[in-house]
Amino acid sequence: MRTVILSVETQSDVMRRILASAHGQRKAGDDRISFESVSDRWRVLAPKRMEIVRVMTGTGPLTIREVARRVDRDFKGVPL
């Protein structure tokens, strides 16, 4: 199962993490999506997408149909 971490970080924090990883100081871990501000995150992740993130948080693997059921939407309306 893949885990994706959503975070708010400055560009310099992201660069420090990348350089540390490139120099072997950090192990490759979970995938991370970083935003410079909370407003950037909200601009990219619309409320319906954030609802999907919320229902998936802390769960094991879920099918698209199960995610759709949890957000009370047709599975065709849930992005992959």
N, C-alpha and C. Protein backbone atom coordinates (compact mmCIF):
# COMPACT_ATOMS: atom_id res chain seq x y z
N MET A 1 0.84 -1.18 0.00
CA MET A 1 0.00 0.00 0.00
C MET A 1 0.89 1.24 0.00
N ARG A 2 0.57 2.20 -0.86
CA ARG A 2 1.31 3.45 -0.91
C ARG A 2 0.67 4.46 0.00
N THR A 3 1.51 5.24 0.64
CA THR A 3 1.04 6.34 1.47
C THR A 3 1.52 7.63 0.84
N VAL A 4 0.65 8.61 0.79
CA VAL A 4 1.01 9.94 0.29
C VAL A 4 0.81 10.92 1.43
N ILE A 5 1.83 11.72 1.69
CA ILE A 5 1.77 12.73 2.74
C ILE A 5 1.53 14.08 2.09
N LEU A 6 0.50 14.79 2.53
CA LEU A 6 0.24 16.16 2.08
C LEU A 6 0.80 17.08 3.14
N SER A 7 1.66 18.02 2.74
CA SER A 7 2.27 18.91 3.72
C SER A 7 2.35 20.33 3.20
N VAL A 8 2.51 21.26 4.14
CA VAL A 8 2.74 22.66 3.81
C VAL A 8 4.17 22.95 4.25
N GLU A 9 5.03 23.27 3.28
CA GLU A 9 6.45 23.51 3.55
C GLU A 9 6.95 24.65 2.68
N THR A 10 7.97 25.32 3.18
CA THR A 10 8.60 26.35 2.36
C THR A 10 9.43 25.67 1.29
N GLN A 11 9.76 26.42 0.25
CA GLN A 11 10.58 25.87 -0.82
C GLN A 11 11.95 25.46 -0.29
N SER A 12 12.49 26.23 0.66
CA SER A 12 13.81 25.88 1.22
C SER A 12 13.74 24.59 2.03
N ASP A 13 12.63 24.34 2.72
CA ASP A 13 12.47 23.07 3.45
C ASP A 13 12.44 21.89 2.49
N VAL A 14 11.74 22.06 1.37
CA VAL A 14 11.68 21.00 0.36
C VAL A 14 13.07 20.73 -0.20
N MET A 15 13.80 21.79 -0.52
CA MET A 15 15.15 21.62 -1.07
C MET A 15 16.07 20.93 -0.08
N ARG A 16 15.99 21.29 1.21
CA ARG A 16 16.81 20.63 2.24
C ARG A 16 16.51 19.14 2.29
N ARG A 17 15.23 18.78 2.23
CA ARG A 17 14.84 17.38 2.27
C ARG A 17 15.35 16.63 1.04
N ILE A 18 15.26 17.26 -0.13
CA ILE A 18 15.74 16.63 -1.36
C ILE A 18 17.25 16.42 -1.30
N LEU A 19 17.98 17.44 -0.86
CA LEU A 19 19.45 17.33 -0.77
C LEU A 19 19.86 16.27 0.25
N ALA A 20 19.18 16.22 1.38
CA ALA A 20 19.50 15.21 2.39
C ALA A 20 19.28 13.82 1.84
N SER A 21 18.21 13.65 1.09
CA SER A 21 17.92 12.35 0.49
C SER A 21 18.97 12.00 -0.56
N ALA A 22 19.37 12.98 -1.37
CA ALA A 22 20.37 12.74 -2.42
C ALA A 22 21.72 12.37 -1.83
N HIS A 23 22.01 12.85 -0.63
CA HIS A 23 23.28 12.55 0.03
C HIS A 23 23.18 11.34 0.96
N GLY A 24 22.08 10.62 0.87
CA GLY A 24 21.92 9.40 1.66
C GLY A 24 21.61 9.62 3.13
N GLN A 25 21.28 10.85 3.50
CA GLN A 25 20.99 11.14 4.90
C GLN A 25 19.55 10.77 5.28
N ARG A 26 18.73 10.55 4.28
CA ARG A 26 17.35 10.15 4.53
C ARG A 26 17.02 8.99 3.61
N LYS A 27 16.30 8.05 4.13
CA LYS A 27 15.85 6.93 3.30
C LYS A 27 14.64 7.35 2.48
N ALA A 28 14.51 6.73 1.33
CA ALA A 28 13.31 6.97 0.53
C ALA A 28 12.12 6.45 1.33
N GLY A 29 11.10 7.24 1.39
CA GLY A 29 9.95 6.84 2.18
C GLY A 29 8.67 7.03 1.41
N ASP A 30 7.68 7.49 2.12
CA ASP A 30 6.38 7.72 1.52
C ASP A 30 6.45 8.86 0.51
N ASP A 31 5.54 8.82 -0.44
CA ASP A 31 5.43 9.91 -1.40
C ASP A 31 4.90 11.14 -0.67
N ARG A 32 5.34 12.30 -1.11
CA ARG A 32 4.95 13.53 -0.45
C ARG A 32 4.53 14.56 -1.50
N ILE A 33 3.46 15.27 -1.21
CA ILE A 33 3.03 16.40 -2.03
C ILE A 33 3.07 17.61 -1.11
N SER A 34 3.92 18.57 -1.47
CA SER A 34 4.11 19.76 -0.63
C SER A 34 3.50 20.99 -1.28
N PHE A 35 2.93 21.81 -0.44
CA PHE A 35 2.37 23.09 -0.87
C PHE A 35 3.07 24.19 -0.08
N GLU A 36 3.22 25.37 -0.69
CA GLU A 36 3.87 26.47 0.00
C GLU A 36 2.96 27.12 1.04
N SER A 37 1.66 26.97 0.88
CA SER A 37 0.73 27.56 1.84
C SER A 37 -0.55 26.73 1.87
N VAL A 38 -1.31 26.94 2.93
CA VAL A 38 -2.59 26.25 3.06
C VAL A 38 -3.52 26.70 1.93
N SER A 39 -3.46 27.98 1.58
CA SER A 39 -4.33 28.47 0.51
C SER A 39 -3.98 27.81 -0.83
N ASP A 40 -2.70 27.52 -1.07
CA ASP A 40 -2.32 26.78 -2.29
C ASP A 40 -2.93 25.38 -2.28
N ARG A 41 -2.88 24.75 -1.12
CA ARG A 41 -3.46 23.40 -1.02
C ARG A 41 -4.95 23.44 -1.33
N TRP A 42 -5.66 24.41 -0.76
CA TRP A 42 -7.10 24.51 -1.00
C TRP A 42 -7.40 24.86 -2.46
N ARG A 43 -6.52 25.62 -3.11
CA ARG A 43 -6.72 25.98 -4.50
C ARG A 43 -6.60 24.74 -5.39
N VAL A 44 -5.64 23.88 -5.07
CA VAL A 44 -5.40 22.67 -5.87
C VAL A 44 -6.38 21.56 -5.52
N LEU A 45 -6.62 21.38 -4.24
CA LEU A 45 -7.50 20.31 -3.79
C LEU A 45 -8.86 20.90 -3.41
N ALA A 46 -9.76 20.89 -4.37
CA ALA A 46 -11.10 21.43 -4.17
C ALA A 46 -11.80 20.67 -3.04
N PRO A 47 -12.85 21.25 -2.46
CA PRO A 47 -13.54 20.61 -1.33
C PRO A 47 -13.94 19.15 -1.57
N LYS A 48 -14.42 18.81 -2.76
CA LYS A 48 -14.81 17.42 -3.01
C LYS A 48 -13.59 16.50 -3.01
N ARG A 49 -12.46 16.99 -3.50
CA ARG A 49 -11.24 16.17 -3.47
C ARG A 49 -10.73 16.03 -2.04
N MET A 50 -10.82 17.10 -1.25
CA MET A 50 -10.40 17.02 0.15
C MET A 50 -11.28 16.04 0.91
N GLU A 51 -12.55 15.95 0.54
CA GLU A 51 -13.45 14.98 1.18
C GLU A 51 -12.96 13.56 0.89
N ILE A 52 -12.51 13.32 -0.33
CA ILE A 52 -11.96 12.00 -0.67
C ILE A 52 -10.71 11.72 0.15
N VAL A 53 -9.82 12.72 0.26
CA VAL A 53 -8.61 12.55 1.07
C VAL A 53 -8.99 12.24 2.51
N ARG A 54 -9.98 12.97 3.04
CA ARG A 54 -10.40 12.78 4.44
C ARG A 54 -10.90 11.36 4.69
N VAL A 55 -11.75 10.83 3.78
CA VAL A 55 -12.30 9.49 4.02
C VAL A 55 -11.25 8.40 3.81
N MET A 56 -10.19 8.69 3.07
CA MET A 56 -9.15 7.69 2.85
C MET A 56 -8.07 7.72 3.93
N THR A 57 -7.99 8.82 4.68
CA THR A 57 -6.95 8.99 5.68
C THR A 57 -7.04 7.92 6.75
N GLY A 58 -5.93 7.24 6.97
CA GLY A 58 -5.84 6.25 8.03
C GLY A 58 -6.45 4.90 7.71
N THR A 59 -6.91 4.71 6.49
CA THR A 59 -7.50 3.42 6.13
C THR A 59 -6.47 2.58 5.38
N GLY A 60 -6.80 1.38 5.19
CA GLY A 60 -5.98 0.52 4.34
C GLY A 60 -6.36 0.77 2.89
N PRO A 61 -5.95 -0.13 2.01
CA PRO A 61 -6.30 0.03 0.60
C PRO A 61 -7.82 0.03 0.41
N LEU A 62 -8.28 0.92 -0.46
CA LEU A 62 -9.71 1.02 -0.77
C LEU A 62 -9.90 0.98 -2.28
N THR A 63 -10.97 0.34 -2.71
CA THR A 63 -11.31 0.38 -4.14
C THR A 63 -11.97 1.73 -4.44
N ILE A 64 -12.00 2.08 -5.71
CA ILE A 64 -12.67 3.32 -6.12
C ILE A 64 -14.15 3.25 -5.74
N ARG A 65 -14.75 2.08 -5.89
CA ARG A 65 -16.16 1.93 -5.52
C ARG A 65 -16.38 2.18 -4.02
N GLU A 66 -15.46 1.71 -3.19
CA GLU A 66 -15.59 1.93 -1.75
C GLU A 66 -15.41 3.41 -1.40
N VAL A 67 -14.45 4.06 -2.03
CA VAL A 67 -14.27 5.50 -1.80
C VAL A 67 -15.55 6.24 -2.21
N ALA A 68 -16.10 5.90 -3.37
CA ALA A 68 -17.33 6.54 -3.85
C ALA A 68 -18.47 6.32 -2.86
N ARG A 69 -18.58 5.12 -2.33
CA ARG A 69 -19.63 4.83 -1.35
C ARG A 69 -19.46 5.70 -0.11
N ARG A 70 -18.21 5.86 0.35
CA ARG A 70 -17.96 6.64 1.57
C ARG A 70 -18.23 8.13 1.40
N VAL A 71 -18.10 8.63 0.18
CA VAL A 71 -18.39 10.05 -0.06
C VAL A 71 -19.76 10.25 -0.70
N ASP A 72 -20.52 9.15 -0.80
CA ASP A 72 -21.88 9.18 -1.32
C ASP A 72 -21.94 9.78 -2.73
N ARG A 73 -21.06 9.23 -3.61
CA ARG A 73 -21.02 9.67 -5.00
C ARG A 73 -20.97 8.45 -5.91
N ASP A 74 -21.36 8.64 -7.17
CA ASP A 74 -21.23 7.60 -8.17
C ASP A 74 -19.74 7.36 -8.41
N PHE A 75 -19.33 6.10 -8.54
CA PHE A 75 -17.90 5.81 -8.67
C PHE A 75 -17.30 6.46 -9.91
N LYS A 76 -18.10 6.75 -10.92
CA LYS A 76 -17.58 7.41 -12.13
C LYS A 76 -17.18 8.86 -11.84
N GLY A 77 -17.70 9.43 -10.76
CA GLY A 77 -17.38 10.81 -10.40
C GLY A 77 -16.22 10.93 -9.44
N VAL A 78 -15.57 9.81 -9.13
CA VAL A 78 -14.43 9.82 -8.21
C VAL A 78 -13.16 9.70 -9.05
N PRO A 79 -12.29 10.74 -9.03
CA PRO A 79 -11.08 10.70 -9.86
C PRO A 79 -10.12 9.61 -9.40
N LEU A 80 -9.40 9.05 -10.34
CA LEU A 80 -8.40 8.03 -10.03
C LEU A 80 -7.13 8.64 -9.53
